[in-house]
Structures are given as structure tokens and as C-alpha cells.
């Protein structure tokens, strides 16, 4: 589970931005909170609102970028192992020589010349089982300038490793690790995970591996998720879909002789009791999205995953969006530590019936062409007062009371000039 994520010099964010999942001391939906180490309570969801171009997606992209920096070398290594029939004779140096630096990309703030010469920084605080970690990494021009991993115990903070351009410090458990020829674009966390079997490192790596990014611009990927999960958990998936008011009572997968998927069918139970079957392609785009997303979310909830979903509301009725949010806030469903970070333009769910005030976040461009990120509970209105929990949040937002209101500039010169 995630406590907080900070990043700096990334896309439209010139200065440091923080998304904080630590619950504030407010008395709203307390039963939905996740109990973490040391009595800390965490939020199950955070929703980011704001105008187009305000930086909402960049928050998710920054966390996705950090995830890719860490796990992409693992994916590359797995591919290399599969391709190499004589892996046993391959040295660690040969393996890392084959790793590319494509997992580190230049995403600096583009609106000034100074940021181009500065690194992009990431810092994340998270917990796996009863162990709390802080991981920090600073990247510049496809190289890693600094990287640190800390383990927080009951009364102290243990340094697992610290790395900068001058050298590397390793804790006692990591002493003897061959890092002399380590690729400067390869994260030390990934390197240790690949070539040394240490539970304290593997546990930290599992957080990134279990972070799920939902991308509905890739229908083939969605279809693959559907096929894998439907057959394993069909009854529960259909029950959740039916609870959303969609009358699908069964989903069937038809295979070709070679084992590939030929067609996916949905069975609808009509009001007269009859059942009719449709191909998945005949369903509405919103229903296809629901059928794709529910199996993945249920699996992720079982595995205590963190979900990153951009524009979750796209193609969904507001009531369906609310139902998806409830999968994370309802403790009868989310009995573990699964969390959701998403962006949205749907204002019907920006209300006290759905969210706590600390679960509503805004991203917008300030007067210096930079994105800023802040929560509703921390916002100060004119006079210094905070938004109350009895306010109409979406109405106040549209009126510009919270600073991240959508804006439309008046068009001029309507006439077409020959």
C-alpha cells in the first residue's frame, strides 16, 4: 500500500508535487480506511480533477514512469533468458550489457531552459506486509544520479543502500554484491532483485510489480485480461456486473483448435425470463469496458494492488463509476489494502456521498505555467477557511472556488478571411 508519492521536474510539474494517501483527522467514511503500520490510516482511493492540460494525467504518468524504471530491466532480463538457450554459461556482466536504457526517458519540464539541465526526481513511501519502505531515485539523460532504499522499523530507519555519482553504500546483507561494472542506467533495486535472492529486496520489488496501470487504448490487452480472469472467477464477476444494473448472467469464451480465442459471448437475461446471447463486439463500448475492468480489479483487490487509471469515467455512466469506486471503499469487498488512484472529469461523483475531502485532489496550471497539485481538504478559500463537508463540492468547483476550474477562452475573429 502507498503512503505518498513525490516527484519533481516531470512534464508540466516544474516543482515538487505530492499525492498523499495518508488520511487526515476528519470524520468521514472512517470505516473505509486502510489500517497501516503504527496506527496510521490510509485512503483507499484518490481522485484527481482539473481542466484539460492541467496536469492530472501527468501525476499518474510520473508514478507509472517510476514503476517502469524499476521493473523494465526485470522484463528485459526475462526476455533475454527466454532467448538464451545457454543461460547457465552467461555471466552477469553479459546479461546487463544486453539491457538497454530505454526504461529511462527524458520527461523534464519543457517550458524553461534550466529544467532541461536538471534531473527528474521520484520518491515513494509504501508498505508491503508489515514492512515500510522509502525508495528515492534521481534520473538525468538516461543515467541514474542518485538512488536510495530505506526500511522503516519500529524505532529507526535502516539504510538498505544509498547510491550517488561518488559511489554506493550497501548494508551488511548486501555486502559482497558485485557492482563494480553495473550499468549506470540500471537501478540498483532492479539489479539486486535480478541477481541476488534477498527477501527484503524482493518484498520491495513486489510493490512495483503489483502496481497495475489500466490502459483502454489497447483493446487486445483488455481482451487478454478478460479471458484469463473470466474463466477463473466467473460467478463473482457476473455478480458484480449485475449489481451495476447490467443484465449479463454469463460470459463464455469460445476457442479455436489452436487454443487461441475465437469469440467472447455474453448472455443476457431479459425481463420475460428468456436468455439471449451477444458477441462481445455487439455490446456497447461502456459495457465492454466494464467487462474488461471488473475482472482485473477483482484480481488486483485480492492481491492488494495499487491501480492507476486515467479518465476512469470515460464511456461510463456516473452510477457505474460510483460502483467501481465502491469496490475499493467497501470493506466487504476490499478487505485488504488495495488502492485506486484515478483521474476524472465526472462531477456527479465529486460529492460528500462518494468521497472524503482528503480523497478529492485538483491539478491545475498556476500563474507561472506550472502544474500544481493539492487536495480539497488542504485548500484555503478566501479568508483562509477550509471547505466544509456539507458543501456542494461539484458546484463550488464549477464556480471556480477551488482554483482548478475548467476554463474556456472566448473565441475571437469568427469571420473567415479570404
Protein backbone atom coordinates (compact mmCIF):
# COMPACT_ATOMS: atom_id res chain seq x y z
CA UNK A 1 0.00 0.00 0.00
CA UNK A 2 1.13 3.51 -0.77
CA UNK A 3 1.50 6.33 1.76
CA UNK A 4 2.73 9.09 -0.53
CA UNK A 5 4.41 9.75 -3.85
CA UNK A 6 6.54 12.80 -4.65
CA UNK A 7 8.04 13.85 -7.96
CA UNK A 8 9.85 16.85 -9.38
CA UNK A 9 10.69 18.20 -12.86
CA UNK A 10 8.29 15.89 -14.68
CA UNK A 11 6.26 17.08 -17.70
CA UNK A 12 4.14 20.08 -16.60
CA UNK A 13 5.37 19.86 -12.98
CA UNK A 14 8.46 22.02 -12.59
CA UNK A 15 8.49 21.94 -8.79
CA UNK A 16 7.83 19.11 -6.38
CA UNK A 17 4.32 17.67 -6.25
CA UNK A 18 2.94 15.19 -3.72
CA UNK A 19 -0.04 12.85 -3.80
CA UNK A 20 -0.74 11.79 -0.21
CA UNK A 21 -2.80 8.73 0.72
CA UNK A 22 -2.48 9.38 4.47
CA UNK A 23 -5.92 10.04 5.92
CA UNK A 24 -6.44 13.40 7.58
CA UNK A 25 -8.16 13.57 11.01
CA UNK A 26 -11.65 14.15 9.62
CA UNK A 27 -14.73 12.13 10.47
CA UNK A 28 -15.87 10.97 7.04
CA UNK A 29 -16.17 7.36 5.85
CA UNK A 30 -13.81 6.19 8.60
CA UNK A 31 -14.80 2.56 8.12
CA UNK A 32 -13.40 2.61 4.56
CA UNK A 33 -9.87 3.49 5.70
CA UNK A 34 -6.95 1.07 5.49
CA UNK A 35 -5.06 0.44 8.73
CA UNK A 36 -1.32 0.59 8.17
CA UNK A 37 1.77 0.27 10.34
CA UNK A 38 1.90 2.19 13.62
CA UNK A 39 -1.78 3.06 13.68
CA UNK A 40 -1.58 5.14 10.50
CA UNK A 41 -4.76 5.18 8.42
CA UNK A 42 -4.58 5.30 4.63
CA UNK A 43 -7.09 6.25 1.94
CA UNK A 44 -8.41 3.51 -0.36
CA UNK A 45 -8.93 5.99 -3.24
CA UNK A 46 -7.70 9.35 -4.51
CA UNK A 47 -9.42 11.09 -7.44
CA UNK A 48 -7.74 13.93 -9.37
CA UNK A 49 -9.88 16.59 -11.09
CA UNK A 50 -8.92 19.59 -13.17
CA UNK A 51 -9.02 21.15 -16.63
CA UNK A 52 -7.57 19.53 -19.73
CA UNK A 53 -3.86 20.28 -19.83
CA UNK A 54 -3.81 20.92 -16.08
CA UNK A 55 -1.52 18.00 -15.25
CA UNK A 56 -3.94 15.33 -14.00
CA UNK A 57 -2.60 12.57 -16.21
CA UNK A 58 0.99 13.61 -15.51
CA UNK A 59 0.60 12.55 -11.87
CA UNK A 60 -0.29 9.02 -12.96
CA UNK A 61 2.36 9.09 -15.66
CA UNK A 62 5.03 10.02 -13.11
CA UNK A 63 4.16 7.04 -10.92
CA UNK A 64 3.92 4.84 -14.00
CA UNK A 65 7.33 6.12 -15.10
CA UNK A 66 8.88 5.20 -11.76
CA UNK A 67 7.32 1.75 -11.97
CA UNK A 68 8.74 1.25 -15.47
CA UNK A 69 12.21 2.40 -14.43
CA UNK A 70 12.23 -0.30 -11.75
CA UNK A 71 10.58 -3.25 -13.48
CA UNK A 72 11.56 -2.79 -17.14
CA UNK A 73 15.04 -4.31 -16.57
CA UNK A 74 13.35 -7.35 -14.98
CA UNK A 75 11.15 -7.74 -18.06
CA UNK A 76 14.14 -7.35 -20.37
CA UNK A 77 16.11 -9.94 -18.41
CA UNK A 78 13.23 -12.42 -18.53
CA UNK A 79 13.10 -11.97 -22.30
CA UNK A 80 16.84 -12.46 -22.59
CA UNK A 81 16.69 -15.63 -20.51
CA UNK A 82 13.98 -16.98 -22.76
CA UNK A 83 16.04 -16.23 -25.86
CA UNK A 84 19.29 -17.57 -24.46
CA UNK A 85 19.38 -21.36 -24.52
CA UNK A 86 22.74 -21.46 -22.72
CA UNK A 87 21.94 -19.10 -19.87
CA UNK A 88 23.96 -21.15 -17.42
CA UNK A 89 27.12 -20.16 -19.26
CA UNK A 90 26.17 -16.48 -19.45
CA UNK A 91 27.83 -14.12 -16.96
CA UNK A 92 26.08 -11.37 -15.04
CA UNK A 93 28.17 -8.82 -16.96
CA UNK A 94 26.98 -10.23 -20.29
CA UNK A 95 23.37 -10.09 -19.12
CA UNK A 96 23.50 -6.48 -18.00
CA UNK A 97 25.38 -5.50 -21.15
CA UNK A 98 22.32 -6.68 -23.03
CA UNK A 99 19.99 -4.48 -21.00
CA UNK A 100 19.05 -1.25 -22.72
CA UNK A 101 18.43 2.12 -21.08
CA UNK A 102 15.08 2.60 -22.81
CA UNK A 103 13.34 2.29 -19.44
CA UNK A 104 14.66 5.75 -18.50
CA UNK A 105 13.23 8.56 -20.62
CA UNK A 106 13.58 12.35 -20.63
CA UNK A 107 10.37 13.82 -19.21
CA UNK A 108 11.65 17.10 -17.81
CA UNK A 109 9.62 20.33 -17.60
CA UNK A 110 9.78 21.84 -21.08
CA UNK A 111 8.82 25.49 -20.55
CA UNK A 112 12.26 26.75 -19.49
CA UNK A 113 15.88 26.02 -20.36
CA UNK A 114 17.02 25.40 -16.79
CA UNK A 115 14.88 22.32 -16.22
CA UNK A 116 16.47 20.59 -19.20
CA UNK A 117 19.74 20.52 -17.24
CA UNK A 118 18.17 19.21 -14.05
CA UNK A 119 17.25 15.63 -13.06
CA UNK A 120 13.77 14.22 -12.63
CA UNK A 121 13.29 13.05 -9.03
CA UNK A 122 10.93 10.44 -7.62
CA UNK A 123 10.27 9.47 -4.00
CA UNK A 124 7.71 6.93 -2.81
CA UNK A 125 6.74 5.70 0.65
CA UNK A 126 4.98 2.33 0.70
CA UNK A 127 4.33 -0.74 2.81
CA UNK A 128 4.43 -4.43 1.94
CA UNK A 129 3.12 -6.76 4.64
CA UNK A 130 4.43 -5.22 7.89
CA UNK A 131 7.46 -3.59 6.25
CA UNK A 132 7.57 0.09 5.36
CA UNK A 133 9.96 1.34 2.65
CA UNK A 134 11.02 4.63 1.15
CA UNK A 135 12.55 4.48 -2.32
CA UNK A 136 14.15 7.50 -4.00
CA UNK A 137 15.68 7.84 -7.44
CA UNK A 138 17.01 10.75 -9.48
CA UNK A 139 17.40 10.38 -13.26
CA UNK A 140 19.08 12.58 -15.86
CA UNK A 141 19.84 11.88 -19.53
CA UNK A 142 19.16 8.13 -19.21
CA UNK A 143 21.51 7.87 -16.22
CA UNK A 144 20.80 7.43 -12.52
CA UNK A 145 22.40 10.17 -10.40
CA UNK A 146 21.06 9.04 -7.04
CA UNK A 147 19.14 6.09 -5.68
CA UNK A 148 18.27 5.18 -2.09
CA UNK A 149 16.24 2.47 -0.35
CA UNK A 150 15.30 2.68 3.33
CA UNK A 151 13.43 0.31 5.62
CA UNK A 152 11.47 1.85 8.46
CA UNK A 153 11.44 -0.23 11.65
CA UNK A 154 9.61 0.40 14.91
CA UNK A 155 12.14 2.87 16.28
CA UNK A 156 14.59 3.66 13.49
CA UNK A 157 15.22 3.90 9.76
CA UNK A 158 17.58 1.30 8.30
CA UNK A 159 19.60 2.15 5.20
CA UNK A 160 19.48 -0.77 2.77
CA UNK A 161 21.51 1.06 0.15
CA UNK A 162 22.47 4.57 -0.92
CA UNK A 163 23.90 5.44 -4.30
CA UNK A 164 25.15 8.61 -5.95
CA UNK A 165 27.72 9.60 -8.57
CA UNK A 166 30.51 9.21 -5.99
CA UNK A 167 29.77 5.61 -5.06
CA UNK A 168 27.45 3.09 -3.39
CA UNK A 169 26.81 2.21 0.25
CA UNK A 170 25.40 -1.27 0.92
CA UNK A 171 24.02 -2.64 4.18
CA UNK A 172 25.58 -5.76 5.71
CA UNK A 173 23.12 -8.10 3.97
CA UNK A 174 24.25 -6.72 0.60
CA UNK A 175 27.98 -6.75 1.23
CA UNK A 176 29.87 -8.72 -1.38
CA UNK A 177 27.48 -7.83 -4.19
CA UNK A 178 29.39 -7.30 -7.44
CA UNK A 179 28.52 -3.75 -8.52
CA UNK A 180 31.84 -2.65 -9.99
CA UNK A 181 30.67 -2.85 -13.60
CA UNK A 182 26.99 -2.11 -13.07
CA UNK A 183 25.34 -0.17 -15.89
CA UNK A 184 24.75 3.42 -14.71
CA UNK A 185 21.26 3.38 -16.21
CA UNK A 186 20.30 0.23 -14.27
CA UNK A 187 18.52 0.79 -10.93
CA UNK A 188 20.35 -0.87 -8.05
CA UNK A 189 17.00 -2.12 -6.75
CA UNK A 190 16.39 -3.94 -10.04
CA UNK A 191 19.97 -5.21 -10.21
CA UNK A 192 19.86 -6.74 -6.72
CA UNK A 193 16.46 -8.26 -7.37
CA UNK A 194 17.72 -9.91 -10.58
CA UNK A 195 21.00 -11.31 -9.32
CA UNK A 196 20.63 -11.84 -5.56
CA UNK A 197 17.86 -13.61 -3.67
CA UNK A 198 17.08 -11.35 -0.70
CA UNK A 199 13.61 -11.25 0.84
CA UNK A 200 13.93 -7.62 1.96
CA UNK A 201 14.63 -6.56 -1.64
CA UNK A 202 12.14 -8.91 -3.29
CA UNK A 203 9.44 -7.64 -0.95
CA UNK A 204 10.08 -4.04 -2.02
CA UNK A 205 10.14 -5.07 -5.68
CA UNK A 206 6.76 -6.80 -5.29
CA UNK A 207 5.10 -3.42 -4.66
CA UNK A 208 6.09 -2.19 -8.11
CA UNK A 209 5.20 -5.49 -9.74
CA UNK A 210 1.72 -5.34 -8.21
CA UNK A 211 1.06 -1.75 -9.32
CA UNK A 212 -1.45 -2.02 -12.16
CA UNK A 213 -1.87 0.51 -14.94
CA UNK A 214 -5.15 0.25 -16.82
CA UNK A 215 -4.96 1.25 -20.48
CA UNK A 216 -8.16 1.07 -22.50
CA UNK A 217 -6.49 2.33 -25.65
CA UNK A 218 -5.30 -1.24 -26.24
CA UNK A 219 -8.36 -3.46 -26.83
CA UNK A 220 -6.26 -6.58 -27.34
CA UNK A 221 -4.77 -6.15 -23.88
CA UNK A 222 -8.22 -5.76 -22.34
CA UNK A 223 -9.40 -8.89 -24.14
CA UNK A 224 -6.48 -10.86 -22.74
CA UNK A 225 -7.29 -9.77 -19.20
CA UNK A 226 -10.90 -10.77 -19.73
CA UNK A 227 -10.10 -14.26 -20.97
CA UNK A 228 -7.71 -15.07 -18.15
CA UNK A 229 -9.91 -13.89 -15.33
CA UNK A 230 -13.39 -14.72 -16.54
CA UNK A 231 -12.86 -18.47 -16.51
CA UNK A 232 -11.26 -18.35 -13.06
CA UNK A 233 -13.76 -16.11 -11.30
CA UNK A 234 -16.87 -16.04 -13.50
CA UNK A 235 -19.56 -16.16 -10.81
CA UNK A 236 -18.15 -13.28 -8.77
CA UNK A 237 -17.52 -11.20 -11.90
CA UNK A 238 -21.07 -11.68 -13.14
CA UNK A 239 -22.45 -10.85 -9.68
CA UNK A 240 -20.58 -7.55 -9.62
CA UNK A 241 -21.68 -6.69 -13.17
CA UNK A 242 -25.31 -7.48 -12.30
CA UNK A 243 -25.06 -5.28 -9.18
CA UNK A 244 -24.35 -2.42 -11.59
CA UNK A 245 -27.69 -2.96 -13.29
CA UNK A 246 -26.29 -4.75 -16.35
CA UNK A 247 -28.31 -7.92 -17.02
CA UNK A 248 -25.36 -10.16 -18.03
CA UNK A 249 -25.71 -13.53 -16.33
CA UNK A 250 -22.93 -15.42 -18.11
CA UNK A 251 -19.78 -14.85 -20.16
CA UNK A 252 -18.40 -17.60 -22.38
CA UNK A 253 -15.08 -17.96 -24.17
CA UNK A 254 -15.01 -19.85 -27.47
CA UNK A 255 -11.63 -21.20 -28.58
CA UNK A 256 -10.16 -22.17 -31.91
CA UNK A 257 -8.47 -25.53 -32.47
CA UNK A 258 -5.04 -23.97 -31.86
CA UNK A 259 -6.13 -22.73 -28.43
CA UNK A 260 -6.50 -19.07 -29.32
CA UNK A 261 -9.70 -17.18 -28.60
CA UNK A 262 -12.26 -17.27 -31.39
CA UNK A 263 -15.07 -15.27 -29.76
CA UNK A 264 -16.36 -13.99 -26.43
CA UNK A 265 -20.11 -14.20 -25.77
CA UNK A 266 -22.30 -12.53 -23.15
CA UNK A 267 -25.66 -13.96 -22.06
CA UNK A 268 -28.39 -11.50 -21.10
CA UNK A 269 -31.42 -12.44 -19.03
CA UNK A 270 -34.43 -10.47 -20.32
CA UNK A 271 -37.33 -9.17 -18.27
CA UNK A 272 -39.55 -12.01 -19.52
CA UNK A 273 -37.08 -14.59 -18.21
CA UNK A 274 -35.64 -15.52 -21.59
CA UNK A 275 -31.89 -15.52 -22.25
CA UNK A 276 -30.19 -14.12 -25.33
CA UNK A 277 -26.54 -14.23 -26.34
CA UNK A 278 -24.42 -11.48 -27.92
CA UNK A 279 -20.88 -11.33 -29.22
CA UNK A 280 -18.70 -9.07 -27.12
CA UNK A 281 -18.29 -6.78 -30.14
CA UNK A 282 -22.06 -6.23 -30.16
CA UNK A 283 -22.03 -4.80 -26.65
CA UNK A 284 -21.81 -1.05 -26.07
CA UNK A 285 -18.34 0.40 -25.53
CA UNK A 286 -19.26 1.14 -21.92
CA UNK A 287 -20.33 -2.45 -21.27
CA UNK A 288 -17.16 -3.74 -22.92
CA UNK A 289 -15.15 -1.51 -20.61
CA UNK A 290 -16.99 -2.85 -17.57
CA UNK A 291 -16.43 -6.45 -18.67
CA UNK A 292 -12.75 -5.68 -19.16
CA UNK A 293 -12.13 -3.72 -15.98
CA UNK A 294 -14.07 -5.72 -13.37
CA UNK A 295 -12.05 -8.98 -13.66
CA UNK A 296 -8.77 -7.06 -13.44
CA UNK A 297 -9.92 -5.00 -10.45
CA UNK A 298 -11.22 -8.02 -8.53
CA UNK A 299 -7.94 -9.84 -9.10
CA UNK A 300 -5.98 -6.76 -8.02
CA UNK A 301 -8.09 -6.34 -4.89
CA UNK A 302 -7.34 -9.95 -3.94
CA UNK A 303 -3.62 -9.19 -4.42
CA UNK A 304 -3.69 -5.83 -2.57
CA UNK A 305 -2.63 -3.94 -5.70
CA UNK A 306 -2.38 -0.24 -6.40
CA UNK A 307 -4.35 0.78 -9.51
CA UNK A 308 -3.54 3.75 -11.74
CA UNK A 309 -6.41 4.55 -14.11
CA UNK A 310 -6.53 7.64 -16.30
CA UNK A 311 -10.03 9.04 -17.04
CA UNK A 312 -11.80 6.16 -15.33
CA UNK A 313 -15.13 7.82 -16.09
CA UNK A 314 -14.69 7.63 -19.89
CA UNK A 315 -17.61 5.76 -21.51
CA UNK A 316 -19.17 5.04 -18.11
CA UNK A 317 -22.46 6.19 -16.65
CA UNK A 318 -21.85 8.07 -13.37
CA UNK A 319 -23.59 5.33 -11.37
CA UNK A 320 -21.26 2.72 -12.86
CA UNK A 321 -18.29 4.91 -11.96
CA UNK A 322 -19.57 5.13 -8.41
CA UNK A 323 -19.90 1.35 -8.24
CA UNK A 324 -16.27 0.92 -9.32
CA UNK A 325 -15.13 3.36 -6.64
CA UNK A 326 -17.15 1.39 -4.09
CA UNK A 327 -15.20 -1.76 -4.93
CA UNK A 328 -12.29 -0.07 -3.13
CA UNK A 329 -14.15 1.77 -0.36
CA UNK A 330 -16.49 -1.10 0.64
CA UNK A 331 -14.65 -3.16 3.27
CA UNK A 332 -16.85 -6.17 2.49
CA UNK A 333 -15.19 -6.24 -0.94
CA UNK A 334 -11.80 -4.64 -0.35
CA UNK A 335 -10.87 -6.49 2.81
CA UNK A 336 -7.16 -5.97 2.30
CA UNK A 337 -5.08 -2.98 1.23
CA UNK A 338 -5.92 -2.40 -2.46
CA UNK A 339 -5.91 1.28 -3.51
CA UNK A 340 -7.03 3.30 -6.52
CA UNK A 341 -5.57 6.50 -7.97
CA UNK A 342 -7.51 7.85 -10.93
CA UNK A 343 -8.34 10.98 -12.91
CA UNK A 344 -11.84 12.04 -13.82
CA UNK A 345 -13.99 14.78 -15.34
CA UNK A 346 -17.23 13.39 -13.90
CA UNK A 347 -18.55 15.90 -11.39
CA UNK A 348 -21.55 13.89 -10.21
CA UNK A 349 -19.21 11.75 -8.12
CA UNK A 350 -17.35 14.78 -6.70
CA UNK A 351 -19.58 14.84 -3.64
CA UNK A 352 -19.64 14.04 0.06
CA UNK A 353 -21.72 10.92 -0.60
CA UNK A 354 -18.83 9.32 -2.51
CA UNK A 355 -15.57 10.81 -1.23
CA UNK A 356 -13.89 12.11 1.87
CA UNK A 357 -12.47 15.61 1.39
CA UNK A 358 -8.90 14.26 1.52
CA UNK A 359 -9.72 11.85 -1.33
CA UNK A 360 -10.53 14.70 -3.75
CA UNK A 361 -7.49 16.25 -5.46
CA UNK A 362 -7.05 19.02 -8.01
CA UNK A 363 -4.38 19.66 -10.61
CA UNK A 364 -4.15 22.97 -12.46
CA UNK A 365 -1.74 25.42 -14.09
CA UNK A 366 -0.68 28.30 -11.87
CA UNK A 367 0.31 31.80 -12.96
CA UNK A 368 3.81 30.62 -13.87
CA UNK A 369 2.80 27.96 -16.43
CA UNK A 370 3.44 25.15 -13.94
CA UNK A 371 1.09 22.43 -12.73
CA UNK A 372 0.27 22.35 -9.04
CA UNK A 373 -1.38 19.50 -7.12
CA UNK A 374 -3.44 19.89 -3.94
CA UNK A 375 -6.28 18.20 -2.05
CA UNK A 376 -9.69 19.61 -1.26
CA UNK A 377 -9.16 19.24 2.48
CA UNK A 378 -5.98 21.36 2.36
CA UNK A 379 -7.39 24.08 0.10
CA UNK A 380 -7.87 27.55 1.60
CA UNK A 381 -10.70 29.72 0.35
CA UNK A 382 -10.81 33.48 0.51
CA UNK A 383 -10.45 34.41 4.14
CA UNK A 384 -8.42 31.29 4.93
CA UNK A 385 -11.30 28.91 5.67
CA UNK A 386 -11.26 25.27 4.52
CA UNK A 387 -14.07 23.63 2.52
CA UNK A 388 -16.65 22.07 4.86
CA UNK A 389 -18.03 18.56 4.46
CA UNK A 390 -21.55 19.89 3.95
CA UNK A 391 -20.63 21.91 0.84
CA UNK A 392 -21.72 21.09 -2.69
CA UNK A 393 -18.23 20.28 -3.96
CA UNK A 394 -19.00 19.99 -7.67
CA UNK A 395 -20.98 23.25 -7.70
CA UNK A 396 -18.21 25.09 -5.89
CA UNK A 397 -15.66 23.61 -8.29
CA UNK A 398 -17.55 24.80 -11.38
CA UNK A 399 -17.84 28.26 -9.83
CA UNK A 400 -14.05 28.39 -9.56
CA UNK A 401 -14.00 28.26 -5.75
CA UNK A 402 -11.26 25.59 -5.64
CA UNK A 403 -8.92 27.08 -8.21
CA UNK A 404 -8.80 24.20 -10.72
CA UNK A 405 -11.96 25.05 -12.60
CA UNK A 406 -12.29 24.22 -16.30
CA UNK A 407 -11.90 27.28 -18.45
CA UNK A 408 -12.93 28.26 -21.97
CA UNK A 409 -11.36 31.31 -23.51
CA UNK A 410 -13.63 33.40 -25.69
CA UNK A 411 -13.04 32.85 -29.38
CA UNK A 412 -12.32 35.94 -31.41
CA UNK A 413 -12.32 36.77 -35.11
CA UNK A 414 -15.06 34.35 -36.11
CA UNK A 415 -15.21 35.61 -39.65
CA UNK A 416 -13.27 33.67 -42.24
CA UNK A 417 -10.81 35.90 -44.08
CA UNK A 418 -10.19 35.07 -47.72
